[in-house]
Amino acid sequence: KDFFPSKLELVLDGIHTVSDLKLYLRNLNPEATNLLKIS
């Protein structure tokens, strides 16, 4: 929640898998990368 809102509605194009979503979120906020890797 330090990097993203606790609740967020996303409209995603070209995102099909969980892996794609993680990459999208890392690009959205690169500071969250390490935490996303272990979540």
Full PDB file with SEQRES, HELIX, SHEET, SSBOND, CRYST1, ORIGX, SCALE, CONECT and MASTER records, all heavy atoms in Angstrom:
SEQRES   1 A   39  LYS ASP PHE PHE PRO SER LYS LEU GLU LEU VAL LEU ASP          
SEQRES   2 A   39  GLY ILE HIS THR VAL SER ASP LEU LYS LEU TYR LEU ARG          
SEQRES   3 A   39  ASN LEU ASN PRO GLU ALA THR ASN LEU LEU LYS ILE SER          
HELIX    1 AA1 VAL A   18  LEU A   28  1                                  11    
HELIX    2 AA2 PRO A   30  ALA A   32  5                                   3    
HELIX    3 AA3 THR A   33  LYS A   37  1                                   5    
CRYST1    1.000    1.000    1.000  90.00  90.00  90.00 P 1           1          
ORIGX1      1.000000  0.000000  0.000000        0.00000                         
ORIGX2      0.000000  1.000000  0.000000        0.00000                         
ORIGX3      0.000000  0.000000  1.000000        0.00000                         
SCALE1      1.000000  0.000000  0.000000        0.00000                         
SCALE2      0.000000  1.000000  0.000000        0.00000                         
SCALE3      0.000000  0.000000  1.000000        0.00000                         
ATOM      1  N   LYS A   1       0.823  -1.207   0.000  1.00  0.00           N  
ATOM      2  CA  LYS A   1       0.000   0.000   0.000  1.00  0.00           C  
ATOM      3  C   LYS A   1       0.863   1.266   0.000  1.00  0.00           C  
ATOM      4  O   LYS A   1       0.359   2.347  -0.233  1.00  0.00           O  
ATOM      5  CB  LYS A   1      -0.964  -0.006   1.177  1.00  0.00           C  
ATOM      6  CG  LYS A   1      -2.044  -1.070   1.026  1.00  0.00           C  
ATOM      7  CD  LYS A   1      -3.193  -0.894   1.968  1.00  0.00           C  
ATOM      8  CE  LYS A   1      -2.795  -1.151   3.387  1.00  0.00           C  
ATOM      9  NZ  LYS A   1      -3.912  -1.084   4.332  1.00  0.00           N  
ATOM     10  N   ASP A   2       2.174   1.118   0.226  1.00  0.00           N  
ATOM     11  CA  ASP A   2       3.085   2.257   0.085  1.00  0.00           C  
ATOM     12  C   ASP A   2       3.336   2.584  -1.388  1.00  0.00           C  
ATOM     13  O   ASP A   2       3.800   3.672  -1.707  1.00  0.00           O  
ATOM     14  CB  ASP A   2       4.433   1.966   0.765  1.00  0.00           C  
ATOM     15  CG  ASP A   2       4.325   1.852   2.271  1.00  0.00           C  
ATOM     16  OD1 ASP A   2       3.336   2.357   2.849  1.00  0.00           O  
ATOM     17  OD2 ASP A   2       5.234   1.261   2.875  1.00  0.00           O  
ATOM     18  N   PHE A   3       3.044   1.632  -2.268  1.00  0.00           N  
ATOM     19  CA  PHE A   3       3.335   1.796  -3.689  1.00  0.00           C  
ATOM     20  C   PHE A   3       2.097   1.889  -4.571  1.00  0.00           C  
ATOM     21  O   PHE A   3       2.144   2.463  -5.655  1.00  0.00           O  
ATOM     22  CB  PHE A   3       4.204   0.630  -4.181  1.00  0.00           C  
ATOM     23  CG  PHE A   3       5.476   0.478  -3.405  1.00  0.00           C  
ATOM     24  CD1 PHE A   3       5.611  -0.533  -2.463  1.00  0.00           C  
ATOM     25  CD2 PHE A   3       6.529   1.351  -3.589  1.00  0.00           C  
ATOM     26  CE1 PHE A   3       6.780  -0.678  -1.745  1.00  0.00           C  
ATOM     27  CE2 PHE A   3       7.701   1.226  -2.876  1.00  0.00           C  
ATOM     28  CZ  PHE A   3       7.827   0.203  -1.944  1.00  0.00           C  
ATOM     29  N   PHE A   4       1.005   1.278  -4.132  1.00  0.00           N  
ATOM     30  CA  PHE A   4      -0.230   1.252  -4.900  1.00  0.00           C  
ATOM     31  C   PHE A   4      -1.407   1.511  -3.961  1.00  0.00           C  
ATOM     32  O   PHE A   4      -1.328   1.168  -2.782  1.00  0.00           O  
ATOM     33  CB  PHE A   4      -0.431  -0.124  -5.565  1.00  0.00           C  
ATOM     34  CG  PHE A   4       0.722  -0.554  -6.426  1.00  0.00           C  
ATOM     35  CD1 PHE A   4       1.619  -1.518  -5.985  1.00  0.00           C  
ATOM     36  CD2 PHE A   4       0.926   0.004  -7.682  1.00  0.00           C  
ATOM     37  CE1 PHE A   4       2.692  -1.910  -6.759  1.00  0.00           C  
ATOM     38  CE2 PHE A   4       1.995  -0.390  -8.472  1.00  0.00           C  
ATOM     39  CZ  PHE A   4       2.884  -1.346  -8.012  1.00  0.00           C  
ATOM     40  N   PRO A   5      -2.508   2.057  -4.477  1.00  0.00           N  
ATOM     41  CA  PRO A   5      -3.696   2.206  -3.632  1.00  0.00           C  
ATOM     42  C   PRO A   5      -4.182   0.842  -3.140  1.00  0.00           C  
ATOM     43  O   PRO A   5      -3.959  -0.179  -3.808  1.00  0.00           O  
ATOM     44  CB  PRO A   5      -4.729   2.839  -4.570  1.00  0.00           C  
ATOM     45  CG  PRO A   5      -3.958   3.386  -5.717  1.00  0.00           C  
ATOM     46  CD  PRO A   5      -2.716   2.567  -5.839  1.00  0.00           C  
ATOM     47  N   SER A   6      -4.862   0.823  -2.019  1.00  0.00           N  
ATOM     48  CA  SER A   6      -5.332  -0.457  -1.485  1.00  0.00           C  
ATOM     49  C   SER A   6      -6.373  -1.106  -2.405  1.00  0.00           C  
ATOM     50  O   SER A   6      -6.498  -2.323  -2.449  1.00  0.00           O  
ATOM     51  CB  SER A   6      -5.902  -0.288  -0.078  1.00  0.00           C  
ATOM     52  OG  SER A   6      -6.953   0.649  -0.086  1.00  0.00           O  
ATOM     53  N   LYS A   7      -7.093  -0.294  -3.160  1.00  0.00           N  
ATOM     54  CA  LYS A   7      -8.096  -0.814  -4.095  1.00  0.00           C  
ATOM     55  C   LYS A   7      -8.025   0.031  -5.359  1.00  0.00           C  
ATOM     56  O   LYS A   7      -8.094   1.262  -5.300  1.00  0.00           O  
ATOM     57  CB  LYS A   7      -9.484  -0.729  -3.466  1.00  0.00           C  
ATOM     58  CG  LYS A   7     -10.575  -1.388  -4.233  1.00  0.00           C  
ATOM     59  CD  LYS A   7     -11.867  -1.319  -3.433  1.00  0.00           C  
ATOM     60  CE  LYS A   7     -12.983  -2.046  -4.120  1.00  0.00           C  
ATOM     61  NZ  LYS A   7     -14.232  -1.980  -3.338  1.00  0.00           N  
ATOM     62  N   LEU A   8      -7.863  -0.640  -6.494  1.00  0.00           N  
ATOM     63  CA  LEU A   8      -7.661   0.064  -7.753  1.00  0.00           C  
ATOM     64  C   LEU A   8      -8.336  -0.714  -8.870  1.00  0.00           C  
ATOM     65  O   LEU A   8      -8.172  -1.927  -8.975  1.00  0.00           O  
ATOM     66  CB  LEU A   8      -6.154   0.177  -8.028  1.00  0.00           C  
ATOM     67  CG  LEU A   8      -5.682   0.868  -9.288  1.00  0.00           C  
ATOM     68  CD1 LEU A   8      -6.055   2.349  -9.254  1.00  0.00           C  
ATOM     69  CD2 LEU A   8      -4.165   0.732  -9.400  1.00  0.00           C  
ATOM     70  N   GLU A   9      -9.105  -0.031  -9.691  1.00  0.00           N  
ATOM     71  CA  GLU A   9      -9.691  -0.679 -10.864  1.00  0.00           C  
ATOM     72  C   GLU A   9      -8.769  -0.411 -12.047  1.00  0.00           C  
ATOM     73  O   GLU A   9      -8.396   0.730 -12.312  1.00  0.00           O  
ATOM     74  CB  GLU A   9     -11.086  -0.132 -11.139  1.00  0.00           C  
ATOM     75  CG  GLU A   9     -11.816  -0.921 -12.203  1.00  0.00           C  
ATOM     76  CD  GLU A   9     -13.274  -0.544 -12.292  1.00  0.00           C  
ATOM     77  OE1 GLU A   9     -14.034  -0.912 -11.378  1.00  0.00           O  
ATOM     78  OE2 GLU A   9     -13.635   0.131 -13.272  1.00  0.00           O  
ATOM     79  N   LEU A  10      -8.368  -1.471 -12.740  1.00  0.00           N  
ATOM     80  CA  LEU A  10      -7.462  -1.355 -13.874  1.00  0.00           C  
ATOM     81  C   LEU A  10      -8.133  -1.842 -15.141  1.00  0.00           C  
ATOM     82  O   LEU A  10      -8.848  -2.843 -15.121  1.00  0.00           O  
ATOM     83  CB  LEU A  10      -6.204  -2.195 -13.645  1.00  0.00           C  
ATOM     84  CG  LEU A  10      -5.253  -1.769 -12.539  1.00  0.00           C  
ATOM     85  CD1 LEU A  10      -4.152  -2.811 -12.369  1.00  0.00           C  
ATOM     86  CD2 LEU A  10      -4.651  -0.419 -12.849  1.00  0.00           C  
ATOM     87  N   VAL A  11      -7.884  -1.139 -16.227  1.00  0.00           N  
ATOM     88  CA  VAL A  11      -8.285  -1.590 -17.555  1.00  0.00           C  
ATOM     89  C   VAL A  11      -6.987  -1.916 -18.278  1.00  0.00           C  
ATOM     90  O   VAL A  11      -6.143  -1.043 -18.481  1.00  0.00           O  
ATOM     91  CB  VAL A  11      -9.090  -0.518 -18.308  1.00  0.00           C  
ATOM     92  CG1 VAL A  11      -9.425  -1.003 -19.706  1.00  0.00           C  
ATOM     93  CG2 VAL A  11     -10.347  -0.157 -17.530  1.00  0.00           C  
ATOM     94  N   LEU A  12      -6.794  -3.189 -18.592  1.00  0.00           N  
ATOM     95  CA  LEU A  12      -5.524  -3.682 -19.118  1.00  0.00           C  
ATOM     96  C   LEU A  12      -5.675  -4.163 -20.549  1.00  0.00           C  
ATOM     97  O   LEU A  12      -6.577  -4.937 -20.857  1.00  0.00           O  
ATOM     98  CB  LEU A  12      -5.014  -4.830 -18.246  1.00  0.00           C  
ATOM     99  CG  LEU A  12      -4.886  -4.540 -16.751  1.00  0.00           C  
ATOM    100  CD1 LEU A  12      -4.645  -5.834 -15.985  1.00  0.00           C  
ATOM    101  CD2 LEU A  12      -3.770  -3.547 -16.506  1.00  0.00           C  
ATOM    102  N   ASP A  13      -4.759  -3.717 -21.398  1.00  0.00           N  
ATOM    103  CA  ASP A  13      -4.696  -4.213 -22.774  1.00  0.00           C  
ATOM    104  C   ASP A  13      -3.400  -4.986 -22.932  1.00  0.00           C  
ATOM    105  O   ASP A  13      -2.338  -4.520 -22.519  1.00  0.00           O  
ATOM    106  CB  ASP A  13      -4.727  -3.049 -23.775  1.00  0.00           C  
ATOM    107  CG  ASP A  13      -6.080  -2.363 -23.823  1.00  0.00           C  
ATOM    108  OD1 ASP A  13      -7.104  -3.069 -23.737  1.00  0.00           O  
ATOM    109  OD2 ASP A  13      -6.112  -1.126 -23.947  1.00  0.00           O  
ATOM    110  N   GLY A  14      -3.466  -6.167 -23.496  1.00  0.00           N  
ATOM    111  CA  GLY A  14      -2.269  -6.962 -23.732  1.00  0.00           C  
ATOM    112  C   GLY A  14      -1.729  -7.653 -22.496  1.00  0.00           C  
ATOM    113  O   GLY A  14      -0.635  -8.201 -22.522  1.00  0.00           O  
ATOM    114  N   ILE A  15      -2.471  -7.626 -21.422  1.00  0.00           N  
ATOM    115  CA  ILE A  15      -2.070  -8.298 -20.175  1.00  0.00           C  
ATOM    116  C   ILE A  15      -2.941  -9.542 -20.061  1.00  0.00           C  
ATOM    117  O   ILE A  15      -4.158  -9.446 -19.913  1.00  0.00           O  
ATOM    118  CB  ILE A  15      -2.266  -7.380 -18.948  1.00  0.00           C  
ATOM    119  CG1 ILE A  15      -1.586  -6.033 -19.134  1.00  0.00           C  
ATOM    120  CG2 ILE A  15      -1.825  -8.079 -17.670  1.00  0.00           C  
ATOM    121  CD1 ILE A  15      -0.097  -6.064 -19.245  1.00  0.00           C  
ATOM    122  N   HIS A  16      -2.305 -10.725 -20.122  1.00  0.00           N  
ATOM    123  CA  HIS A  16      -3.088 -11.960 -20.147  1.00  0.00           C  
ATOM    124  C   HIS A  16      -2.802 -12.881 -18.972  1.00  0.00           C  
ATOM    125  O   HIS A  16      -3.654 -13.678 -18.600  1.00  0.00           O  
ATOM    126  CB  HIS A  16      -2.830 -12.717 -21.454  1.00  0.00           C  
ATOM    127  CG  HIS A  16      -3.147 -11.900 -22.662  1.00  0.00           C  
ATOM    128  ND1 HIS A  16      -4.424 -11.608 -23.061  1.00  0.00           N  
ATOM    129  CD2 HIS A  16      -2.340 -11.277 -23.552  1.00  0.00           C  
ATOM    130  CE1 HIS A  16      -4.401 -10.854 -24.135  1.00  0.00           C  
ATOM    131  NE2 HIS A  16      -3.142 -10.638 -24.461  1.00  0.00           N  
ATOM    132  N   THR A  17      -1.594 -12.806 -18.408  1.00  0.00           N  
ATOM    133  CA  THR A  17      -1.213 -13.714 -17.327  1.00  0.00           C  
ATOM    134  C   THR A  17      -0.814 -12.935 -16.081  1.00  0.00           C  
ATOM    135  O   THR A  17      -0.600 -11.720 -16.128  1.00  0.00           O  
ATOM    136  CB  THR A  17      -0.012 -14.593 -17.740  1.00  0.00           C  
ATOM    137  OG1 THR A  17       1.127 -13.747 -17.917  1.00  0.00           O  
ATOM    138  CG2 THR A  17      -0.293 -15.392 -19.000  1.00  0.00           C  
ATOM    139  N   VAL A  18      -0.679 -13.659 -14.992  1.00  0.00           N  
ATOM    140  CA  VAL A  18      -0.217 -13.062 -13.744  1.00  0.00           C  
ATOM    141  C   VAL A  18       1.179 -12.476 -13.936  1.00  0.00           C  
ATOM    142  O   VAL A  18       1.478 -11.377 -13.457  1.00  0.00           O  
ATOM    143  CB  VAL A  18      -0.236 -14.112 -12.611  1.00  0.00           C  
ATOM    144  CG1 VAL A  18       0.440 -13.584 -11.357  1.00  0.00           C  
ATOM    145  CG2 VAL A  18      -1.670 -14.548 -12.321  1.00  0.00           C  
ATOM    146  N   SER A  19       2.021 -13.164 -14.673  1.00  0.00           N  
ATOM    147  CA  SER A  19       3.366 -12.668 -14.963  1.00  0.00           C  
ATOM    148  C   SER A  19       3.313 -11.337 -15.713  1.00  0.00           C  
ATOM    149  O   SER A  19       4.066 -10.402 -15.398  1.00  0.00           O  
ATOM    150  CB  SER A  19       4.136 -13.707 -15.768  1.00  0.00           C  
ATOM    151  OG  SER A  19       5.438 -13.271 -16.007  1.00  0.00           O  
ATOM    152  N   ASP A  20       2.419 -11.224 -16.685  1.00  0.00           N  
ATOM    153  CA  ASP A  20       2.231  -9.968 -17.421  1.00  0.00           C  
ATOM    154  C   ASP A  20       1.816  -8.847 -16.469  1.00  0.00           C  
ATOM    155  O   ASP A  20       2.287  -7.720 -16.576  1.00  0.00           O  
ATOM    156  CB  ASP A  20       1.151 -10.101 -18.497  1.00  0.00           C  
ATOM    157  CG  ASP A  20       1.497 -11.034 -19.631  1.00  0.00           C  
ATOM    158  OD1 ASP A  20       2.695 -11.331 -19.842  1.00  0.00           O  
ATOM    159  OD2 ASP A  20       0.552 -11.486 -20.315  1.00  0.00           O  
ATOM    160  N   LEU A  21       0.911  -9.172 -15.540  1.00  0.00           N  
ATOM    161  CA  LEU A  21       0.434  -8.181 -14.581  1.00  0.00           C  
ATOM    162  C   LEU A  21       1.568  -7.706 -13.680  1.00  0.00           C  
ATOM    163  O   LEU A  21       1.707  -6.508 -13.423  1.00  0.00           O  
ATOM    164  CB  LEU A  21      -0.718  -8.741 -13.747  1.00  0.00           C  
ATOM    165  CG  LEU A  21      -1.239  -7.805 -12.657  1.00  0.00           C  
ATOM    166  CD1 LEU A  21      -1.824  -6.523 -13.256  1.00  0.00           C  
ATOM    167  CD2 LEU A  21      -2.264  -8.520 -11.787  1.00  0.00           C  
ATOM    168  N   LYS A  22       2.386  -8.638 -13.198  1.00  0.00           N  
ATOM    169  CA  LYS A  22       3.514  -8.253 -12.346  1.00  0.00           C  
ATOM    170  C   LYS A  22       4.462  -7.314 -13.087  1.00  0.00           C  
ATOM    171  O   LYS A  22       4.930  -6.322 -12.519  1.00  0.00           O  
ATOM    172  CB  LYS A  22       4.271  -9.485 -11.856  1.00  0.00           C  
ATOM    173  CG  LYS A  22       3.566 -10.242 -10.759  1.00  0.00           C  
ATOM    174  CD  LYS A  22       4.461 -11.393 -10.313  1.00  0.00           C  
ATOM    175  CE  LYS A  22       3.955 -12.068  -9.074  1.00  0.00           C  
ATOM    176  NZ  LYS A  22       4.845 -13.155  -8.647  1.00  0.00           N  
ATOM    177  N   LEU A  23       4.737  -7.605 -14.346  1.00  0.00           N  
ATOM    178  CA  LEU A  23       5.604  -6.744 -15.145  1.00  0.00           C  
ATOM    179  C   LEU A  23       4.957  -5.363 -15.327  1.00  0.00           C  
ATOM    180  O   LEU A  23       5.623  -4.333 -15.200  1.00  0.00           O  
ATOM    181  CB  LEU A  23       5.887  -7.385 -16.500  1.00  0.00           C  
ATOM    182  CG  LEU A  23       6.790  -6.589 -17.436  1.00  0.00           C  
ATOM    183  CD1 LEU A  23       8.158  -6.334 -16.798  1.00  0.00           C  
ATOM    184  CD2 LEU A  23       6.950  -7.326 -18.755  1.00  0.00           C  
ATOM    185  N   TYR A  24       3.671  -5.333 -15.586  1.00  0.00           N  
ATOM    186  CA  TYR A  24       2.935  -4.076 -15.718  1.00  0.00           C  
ATOM    187  C   TYR A  24       3.060  -3.250 -14.440  1.00  0.00           C  
ATOM    188  O   TYR A  24       3.328  -2.040 -14.487  1.00  0.00           O  
ATOM    189  CB  TYR A  24       1.466  -4.374 -16.041  1.00  0.00           C  
ATOM    190  CG  TYR A  24       0.576  -3.162 -16.014  1.00  0.00           C  
ATOM    191  CD1 TYR A  24       0.464  -2.343 -17.125  1.00  0.00           C  
ATOM    192  CD2 TYR A  24      -0.152  -2.850 -14.874  1.00  0.00           C  
ATOM    193  CE1 TYR A  24      -0.360  -1.220 -17.101  1.00  0.00           C  
ATOM    194  CE2 TYR A  24      -0.975  -1.735 -14.838  1.00  0.00           C  
ATOM    195  CZ  TYR A  24      -1.069  -0.920 -15.944  1.00  0.00           C  
ATOM    196  OH  TYR A  24      -1.883   0.186 -15.919  1.00  0.00           O  
ATOM    197  N   LEU A  25       2.881  -3.901 -13.295  1.00  0.00           N  
ATOM    198  CA  LEU A  25       2.954  -3.189 -12.021  1.00  0.00           C  
ATOM    199  C   LEU A  25       4.372  -2.713 -11.717  1.00  0.00           C  
ATOM    200  O   LEU A  25       4.558  -1.621 -11.164  1.00  0.00           O  
ATOM    201  CB  LEU A  25       2.434  -4.078 -10.885  1.00  0.00           C  
ATOM    202  CG  LEU A  25       0.941  -4.411 -10.965  1.00  0.00           C  
ATOM    203  CD1 LEU A  25       0.574  -5.445  -9.901  1.00  0.00           C  
ATOM    204  CD2 LEU A  25       0.100  -3.147 -10.815  1.00  0.00           C  
ATOM    205  N   ARG A  26       5.380  -3.509 -12.080  1.00  0.00           N  
ATOM    206  CA  ARG A  26       6.778  -3.072 -11.904  1.00  0.00           C  
ATOM    207  C   ARG A  26       7.059  -1.838 -12.745  1.00  0.00           C  
ATOM    208  O   ARG A  26       7.754  -0.932 -12.298  1.00  0.00           O  
ATOM    209  CB  ARG A  26       7.736  -4.191 -12.295  1.00  0.00           C  
ATOM    210  CG  ARG A  26       7.806  -5.293 -11.292  1.00  0.00           C  
ATOM    211  CD  ARG A  26       8.861  -6.316 -11.709  1.00  0.00           C  
ATOM    212  NE  ARG A  26       8.475  -7.590 -11.133  1.00  0.00           N  
ATOM    213  CZ  ARG A  26       8.558  -8.747 -11.736  1.00  0.00           C  
ATOM    214  NH1 ARG A  26       9.046  -8.840 -12.957  1.00  0.00           N  
ATOM    215  NH2 ARG A  26       8.170  -9.846 -11.136  1.00  0.00           N  
ATOM    216  N   ASN A  27       6.531  -1.801 -13.958  1.00  0.00           N  
ATOM    217  CA  ASN A  27       6.718  -0.640 -14.821  1.00  0.00           C  
ATOM    218  C   ASN A  27       5.944   0.569 -14.298  1.00  0.00           C  
ATOM    219  O   ASN A  27       6.394   1.700 -14.433  1.00  0.00           O  
ATOM    220  CB  ASN A  27       6.306  -0.945 -16.251  1.00  0.00           C  
ATOM    221  CG  ASN A  27       7.255  -1.894 -16.935  1.00  0.00           C  
ATOM    222  OD1 ASN A  27       8.432  -1.938 -16.623  1.00  0.00           O  
ATOM    223  ND2 ASN A  27       6.741  -2.675 -17.864  1.00  0.00           N  
ATOM    224  N   LEU A  28       4.787   0.327 -13.698  1.00  0.00           N  
ATOM    225  CA  LEU A  28       3.968   1.389 -13.140  1.00  0.00           C  
ATOM    226  C   LEU A  28       4.669   2.045 -11.948  1.00  0.00           C  
ATOM    227  O   LEU A  28       4.626   3.263 -11.789  1.00  0.00           O  
ATOM    228  CB  LEU A  28       2.612   0.824 -12.726  1.00  0.00           C  
ATOM    229  CG  LEU A  28       1.506   1.786 -12.357  1.00  0.00           C  
ATOM    230  CD1 LEU A  28       1.144   2.659 -13.546  1.00  0.00           C  
ATOM    231  CD2 LEU A  28       0.285   1.011 -11.894  1.00  0.00           C  
ATOM    232  N   ASN A  29       5.321   1.226 -11.112  1.00  0.00           N  
ATOM    233  CA  ASN A  29       6.054   1.741  -9.958  1.00  0.00           C  
ATOM    234  C   ASN A  29       7.296   0.880  -9.723  1.00  0.00           C  
ATOM    235  O   ASN A  29       7.246  -0.096  -8.975  1.00  0.00           O  
ATOM    236  CB  ASN A  29       5.177   1.761  -8.708  1.00  0.00           C  
ATOM    237  CG  ASN A  29       5.819   2.525  -7.587  1.00  0.00           C  
ATOM    238  OD1 ASN A  29       7.036   2.655  -7.510  1.00  0.00           O  
ATOM    239  ND2 ASN A  29       5.002   3.041  -6.685  1.00  0.00           N  
ATOM    240  N   PRO A  30       8.413   1.242 -10.357  1.00  0.00           N  
ATOM    241  CA  PRO A  30       9.639   0.442 -10.253  1.00  0.00           C  
ATOM    242  C   PRO A  30      10.129   0.233  -8.816  1.00  0.00           C  
ATOM    243  O   PRO A  30      10.789  -0.757  -8.534  1.00  0.00           O  
ATOM    244  CB  PRO A  30      10.660   1.242 -11.069  1.00  0.00           C  
ATOM    245  CG  PRO A  30       9.842   2.041 -12.022  1.00  0.00           C  
ATOM    246  CD  PRO A  30       8.568   2.364 -11.287  1.00  0.00           C  
ATOM    247  N   GLU A  31       9.789   1.135  -7.912  1.00  0.00           N  
ATOM    248  CA  GLU A  31      10.217   0.991  -6.520  1.00  0.00           C  
ATOM    249  C   GLU A  31       9.581  -0.222  -5.838  1.00  0.00           C  
ATOM    250  O   GLU A  31      10.072  -0.692  -4.820  1.00  0.00           O  
ATOM    251  CB  GLU A  31       9.906   2.257  -5.739  1.00  0.00           C  
ATOM    252  CG  GLU A  31      10.742   3.446  -6.191  1.00  0.00           C  
ATOM    253  CD  GLU A  31      10.409   4.718  -5.437  1.00  0.00           C  
ATOM    254  OE1 GLU A  31       9.629   4.662  -4.463  1.00  0.00           O  
ATOM    255  OE2 GLU A  31      10.932   5.769  -5.831  1.00  0.00           O  
ATOM    256  N   ALA A  32       8.504  -0.737  -6.399  1.00  0.00           N  
ATOM    257  CA  ALA A  32       7.808  -1.891  -5.826  1.00  0.00           C  
ATOM    258  C   ALA A  32       8.361  -3.224  -6.336  1.00  0.00           C  
ATOM    259  O   ALA A  32       7.921  -4.284  -5.900  1.00  0.00           O  
ATOM    260  CB  ALA A  32       6.322  -1.805  -6.133  1.00  0.00           C  
ATOM    261  N   THR A  33       9.340  -3.193  -7.224  1.00  0.00           N  
ATOM    262  CA  THR A  33       9.830  -4.402  -7.894  1.00  0.00           C  
ATOM    263  C   THR A  33      10.234  -5.505  -6.923  1.00  0.00           C  
ATOM    264  O   THR A  33       9.791  -6.650  -7.064  1.00  0.00           O  
ATOM    265  CB  THR A  33      11.013  -4.065  -8.825  1.00  0.00           C  
ATOM    266  OG1 THR A  33      10.525  -3.212  -9.866  1.00  0.00           O  
ATOM    267  CG2 THR A  33      11.616  -5.315  -9.441  1.00  0.00           C  
ATOM    268  N   ASN A  34      11.066  -5.200  -5.953  1.00  0.00           N  
ATOM    269  CA  ASN A  34      11.547  -6.239  -5.034  1.00  0.00           C  
ATOM    270  C   ASN A  34      10.410  -6.871  -4.242  1.00  0.00           C  
ATOM    271  O   ASN A  34      10.377  -8.091  -4.049  1.00  0.00           O  
ATOM    272  CB  ASN A  34      12.612  -5.679  -4.093  1.00  0.00           C  
ATOM    273  CG  ASN A  34      13.905  -5.397  -4.817  1.00  0.00           C  
ATOM    274  OD1 ASN A  34      14.192  -5.992  -5.851  1.00  0.00           O  
ATOM    275  ND2 ASN A  34      14.687  -4.475  -4.287  1.00  0.00           N  
ATOM    276  N   LEU A  35       9.472  -6.066  -3.800  1.00  0.00           N  
ATOM    277  CA  LEU A  35       8.345  -6.596  -3.041  1.00  0.00           C  
ATOM    278  C   LEU A  35       7.406  -7.411  -3.929  1.00  0.00           C  
ATOM    279  O   LEU A  35       6.905  -8.465  -3.513  1.00  0.00           O  
ATOM    280  CB  LEU A  35       7.594  -5.452  -2.365  1.00  0.00           C  
ATOM    281  CG  LEU A  35       6.615  -5.809  -1.270  1.00  0.00           C  
ATOM    282  CD1 LEU A  35       7.253  -6.709  -0.210  1.00  0.00           C  
ATOM    283  CD2 LEU A  35       6.072  -4.555  -0.615  1.00  0.00           C  
ATOM    284  N   LEU A  36       7.205  -6.981  -5.153  1.00  0.00           N  
ATOM    285  CA  LEU A  36       6.367  -7.748  -6.078  1.00  0.00           C  
ATOM    286  C   LEU A  36       6.966  -9.118  -6.383  1.00  0.00           C  
ATOM    287  O   LEU A  36       6.235 -10.099  -6.536  1.00  0.00           O  
ATOM    288  CB  LEU A  36       6.154  -6.974  -7.381  1.00  0.00           C  
ATOM    289  CG  LEU A  36       5.207  -5.789  -7.294  1.00  0.00           C  
ATOM    290  CD1 LEU A  36       5.329  -4.913  -8.532  1.00  0.00           C  
ATOM    291  CD2 LEU A  36       3.777  -6.258  -7.100  1.00  0.00           C  
ATOM    292  N   LYS A  37       8.290  -9.182  -6.461  1.00  0.00           N  
ATOM    293  CA  LYS A  37       8.957 -10.460  -6.752  1.00  0.00           C  
ATOM    294  C   LYS A  37       8.667 -11.519  -5.703  1.00  0.00           C  
ATOM    295  O   LYS A  37       8.644 -12.712  -6.015  1.00  0.00           O  
ATOM    296  CB  LYS A  37      10.470 -10.254  -6.852  1.00  0.00           C  
ATOM    297  CG  LYS A  37      10.926  -9.589  -8.115  1.00  0.00           C  
ATOM    298  CD  LYS A  37      12.434  -9.451  -8.111  1.00  0.00           C  
ATOM    299  CE  LYS A  37      12.925  -8.703  -9.326  1.00  0.00           C  
ATOM    300  NZ  LYS A  37      14.394  -8.528  -9.298  1.00  0.00           N  
ATOM    301  N   ILE A  38       8.468 -11.121  -4.458  1.00  0.00           N  
ATOM    302  CA  ILE A  38       8.281 -12.097  -3.377  1.00  0.00           C  
ATOM    303  C   ILE A  38       6.832 -12.195  -2.900  1.00  0.00           C  
ATOM    304  O   ILE A  38       6.531 -12.910  -1.953  1.00  0.00           O  
ATOM    305  CB  ILE A  38       9.221 -11.790  -2.188  1.00  0.00           C  
ATOM    306  CG1 ILE A  38       8.971 -10.399  -1.620  1.00  0.00           C  
ATOM    307  CG2 ILE A  38      10.668 -11.978  -2.606  1.00  0.00           C  
ATOM    308  CD1 ILE A  38       9.749 -10.081  -0.363  1.00  0.00           C  
ATOM    309  N   SER A  39       5.932 -11.484  -3.579  1.00  0.00           N  
ATOM    310  CA  SER A  39       4.518 -11.494  -3.193  1.00  0.00           C  
ATOM    311  C   SER A  39       3.765 -12.616  -3.883  1.00  0.00           C  
ATOM    312  O   SER A  39       4.112 -13.030  -4.986  1.00  0.00           O  
ATOM    313  CB  SER A  39       3.866 -10.155  -3.552  1.00  0.00           C  
ATOM    314  OG  SER A  39       4.415  -9.115  -2.803  1.00  0.00           O  
TER     315      SER A  39                                                      
MASTER        0    0    0    3    0    0    0    6  314    1    0    3          
END                                                                             
